[in-house]
C-alpha atoms as a PDB file:
ATOM      1  CA  UNK A   1     -58.408   0.106  10.479  1.00  0.00           C
ATOM      2  CA  UNK A   2     -58.115  -3.501   9.410  1.00  0.00           C
ATOM      3  CA  UNK A   3     -59.889  -2.730   6.119  1.00  0.00           C
ATOM      4  CA  UNK A   4     -57.543   0.190   5.378  1.00  0.00           C
ATOM      5  CA  UNK A   5     -54.466  -1.902   6.126  1.00  0.00           C
ATOM      6  CA  UNK A   6     -53.043   0.294   8.837  1.00  0.00           C
ATOM      7  CA  UNK A   7     -53.834   1.979  12.114  1.00  0.00           C
ATOM      8  CA  UNK A   8     -52.556   2.809  15.572  1.00  0.00           C
ATOM      9  CA  UNK A   9     -54.216   2.017  18.899  1.00  0.00           C
ATOM     10  CA  UNK A  10     -52.680   3.474  22.063  1.00  0.00           C
ATOM     11  CA  UNK A  11     -54.060   2.339  25.406  1.00  0.00           C
ATOM     12  CA  UNK A  12     -53.199   3.896  28.762  1.00  0.00           C
ATOM     13  CA  UNK A  13     -52.955   1.619  31.797  1.00  0.00           C
ATOM     14  CA  UNK A  14     -50.758   1.963  34.864  1.00  0.00           C
ATOM     15  CA  UNK A  15     -47.728   0.347  36.416  1.00  0.00           C
ATOM     16  CA  UNK A  16     -50.257  -0.847  39.016  1.00  0.00           C
ATOM     17  CA  UNK A  17     -51.454  -3.336  36.408  1.00  0.00           C
ATOM     18  CA  UNK A  18     -47.994  -4.882  36.319  1.00  0.00           C
ATOM     19  CA  UNK A  19     -46.951  -4.547  39.958  1.00  0.00           C
ATOM     20  CA  UNK A  20     -50.198  -4.199  41.917  1.00  0.00           C
ATOM     21  CA  UNK A  21     -50.812  -1.475  44.491  1.00  0.00           C
ATOM     22  CA  UNK A  22     -51.726  -1.997  48.129  1.00  0.00           C
ATOM     23  CA  UNK A  23     -55.341  -1.104  48.963  1.00  0.00           C
ATOM     24  CA  UNK A  24     -56.139  -0.797  45.253  1.00  0.00           C
ATOM     25  CA  UNK A  25     -56.922  -4.350  44.121  1.00  0.00           C
ATOM     26  CA  UNK A  26     -59.795  -3.381  41.808  1.00  0.00           C
ATOM     27  CA  UNK A  27     -57.772  -0.579  40.191  1.00  0.00           C
ATOM     28  CA  UNK A  28     -54.736  -2.832  39.722  1.00  0.00           C
ATOM     29  CA  UNK A  29     -56.879  -5.630  38.282  1.00  0.00           C
ATOM     30  CA  UNK A  30     -58.601  -3.292  35.826  1.00  0.00           C
ATOM     31  CA  UNK A  31     -55.255  -1.939  34.612  1.00  0.00           C
ATOM     32  CA  UNK A  32     -53.937  -5.506  34.252  1.00  0.00           C
ATOM     33  CA  UNK A  33     -56.989  -6.137  32.069  1.00  0.00           C
ATOM     34  CA  UNK A  34     -56.086  -3.191  29.825  1.00  0.00           C
ATOM     35  CA  UNK A  35     -52.542  -4.566  29.482  1.00  0.00           C
ATOM     36  CA  UNK A  36     -53.855  -8.061  28.617  1.00  0.00           C
ATOM     37  CA  UNK A  37     -56.336  -6.596  26.111  1.00  0.00           C
ATOM     38  CA  UNK A  38     -53.510  -4.651  24.479  1.00  0.00           C
ATOM     39  CA  UNK A  39     -51.314  -7.756  24.173  1.00  0.00           C
ATOM     40  CA  UNK A  40     -54.156  -9.813  22.716  1.00  0.00           C
ATOM     41  CA  UNK A  41     -55.157  -7.144  20.196  1.00  0.00           C
ATOM     42  CA  UNK A  42     -51.524  -6.597  19.196  1.00  0.00           C
ATOM     43  CA  UNK A  43     -51.155 -10.304  18.378  1.00  0.00           C
ATOM     44  CA  UNK A  44     -54.538 -10.493  16.672  1.00  0.00           C
ATOM     45  CA  UNK A  45     -53.930  -7.447  14.472  1.00  0.00           C
ATOM     46  CA  UNK A  46     -50.186  -7.865  13.835  1.00  0.00           C
ATOM     47  CA  UNK A  47     -50.588  -9.107  10.265  1.00  0.00           C
ATOM     48  CA  UNK A  48     -53.122  -6.405   9.363  1.00  0.00           C
ATOM     49  CA  UNK A  49     -50.811  -3.402   9.760  1.00  0.00           C
ATOM     50  CA  UNK A  50     -52.611  -2.152  12.874  1.00  0.00           C
ATOM     51  CA  UNK A  51     -50.200  -1.525  15.746  1.00  0.00           C
ATOM     52  CA  UNK A  52     -51.450  -1.739  19.337  1.00  0.00           C
ATOM     53  CA  UNK A  53     -49.422  -0.394  22.259  1.00  0.00           C
ATOM     54  CA  UNK A  54     -49.943   0.407  25.912  1.00  0.00           C
ATOM     55  CA  UNK A  55     -48.354   3.080  28.094  1.00  0.00           C
ATOM     56  CA  UNK A  56     -48.026   2.206  31.798  1.00  0.00           C
ATOM     57  CA  UNK A  57     -46.960   5.309  33.708  1.00  0.00           C
ATOM     58  CA  UNK A  58     -46.187   5.296  37.416  1.00  0.00           C
ATOM     59  CA  UNK A  59     -47.213   7.900  39.966  1.00  0.00           C
ATOM     60  CA  UNK A  60     -45.811  11.376  39.304  1.00  0.00           C
ATOM     61  CA  UNK A  61     -44.691  13.630  42.141  1.00  0.00           C
ATOM     62  CA  UNK A  62     -47.361  16.344  42.373  1.00  0.00           C
ATOM     63  CA  UNK A  63     -49.157  18.059  45.254  1.00  0.00           C
ATOM     64  CA  UNK A  64     -52.164  15.782  44.771  1.00  0.00           C
ATOM     65  CA  UNK A  65     -50.118  12.592  44.667  1.00  0.00           C
ATOM     66  CA  UNK A  66     -48.099  13.623  47.735  1.00  0.00           C
ATOM     67  CA  UNK A  67     -51.331  13.849  49.706  1.00  0.00           C
ATOM     68  CA  UNK A  68     -52.160  10.240  48.813  1.00  0.00           C
ATOM     69  CA  UNK A  69     -48.799   8.516  48.352  1.00  0.00           C
ATOM     70  CA  UNK A  70     -45.678   8.935  50.446  1.00  0.00           C
ATOM     71  CA  UNK A  71     -42.470   6.888  50.301  1.00  0.00           C
ATOM     72  CA  UNK A  72     -43.720   5.074  53.418  1.00  0.00           C
ATOM     73  CA  UNK A  73     -47.046   4.228  51.763  1.00  0.00           C
ATOM     74  CA  UNK A  74     -45.739   3.122  48.384  1.00  0.00           C
ATOM     75  CA  UNK A  75     -42.387   1.863  47.204  1.00  0.00           C
ATOM     76  CA  UNK A  76     -43.463   2.173  43.554  1.00  0.00           C
ATOM     77  CA  UNK A  77     -43.930   5.962  43.572  1.00  0.00           C
ATOM     78  CA  UNK A  78     -41.874   7.709  40.892  1.00  0.00           C
ATOM     79  CA  UNK A  79     -40.702  11.305  40.728  1.00  0.00           C
ATOM     80  CA  UNK A  80     -40.348  13.471  37.650  1.00  0.00           C
ATOM     81  CA  UNK A  81     -37.687  16.131  37.398  1.00  0.00           C
ATOM     82  CA  UNK A  82     -38.210  18.736  34.680  1.00  0.00           C
ATOM     83  CA  UNK A  83     -35.280  19.561  32.435  1.00  0.00           C
ATOM     84  CA  UNK A  84     -36.711  21.864  29.803  1.00  0.00           C
ATOM     85  CA  UNK A  85     -39.218  19.785  27.835  1.00  0.00           C
ATOM     86  CA  UNK A  86     -37.793  16.468  29.092  1.00  0.00           C
ATOM     87  CA  UNK A  87     -38.545  14.582  32.294  1.00  0.00           C
ATOM     88  CA  UNK A  88     -36.197  12.175  34.053  1.00  0.00           C
ATOM     89  CA  UNK A  89     -37.826   9.357  36.021  1.00  0.00           C
ATOM     90  CA  UNK A  90     -36.425   7.375  38.901  1.00  0.00           C
ATOM     91  CA  UNK A  91     -37.899   4.828  41.252  1.00  0.00           C
ATOM     92  CA  UNK A  92     -38.139   5.691  44.936  1.00  0.00           C
ATOM     93  CA  UNK A  93     -35.595   3.865  47.088  1.00  0.00           C
ATOM     94  CA  UNK A  94     -37.051   0.872  48.912  1.00  0.00           C
END
């Protein structure tokens, strides 16, 4: 990418890397590492035309996530509401 003068790198982490999750220290630390790697690469490659970004989604309200996370277990759980092809996100009340 550097040799061609352009490129795009998209990493996927988690909001857990920014906020931390209870009982998930290793997961949160690994996602924080992905975020730090992304920031470092973005600065390193900024002048080369290669863009580096990271997406940090939160938990989405699904049957599987409801079994693991409830509003009592996690205050960082997010819900998605489908409106056609768009989703609206909101943070659970604390």
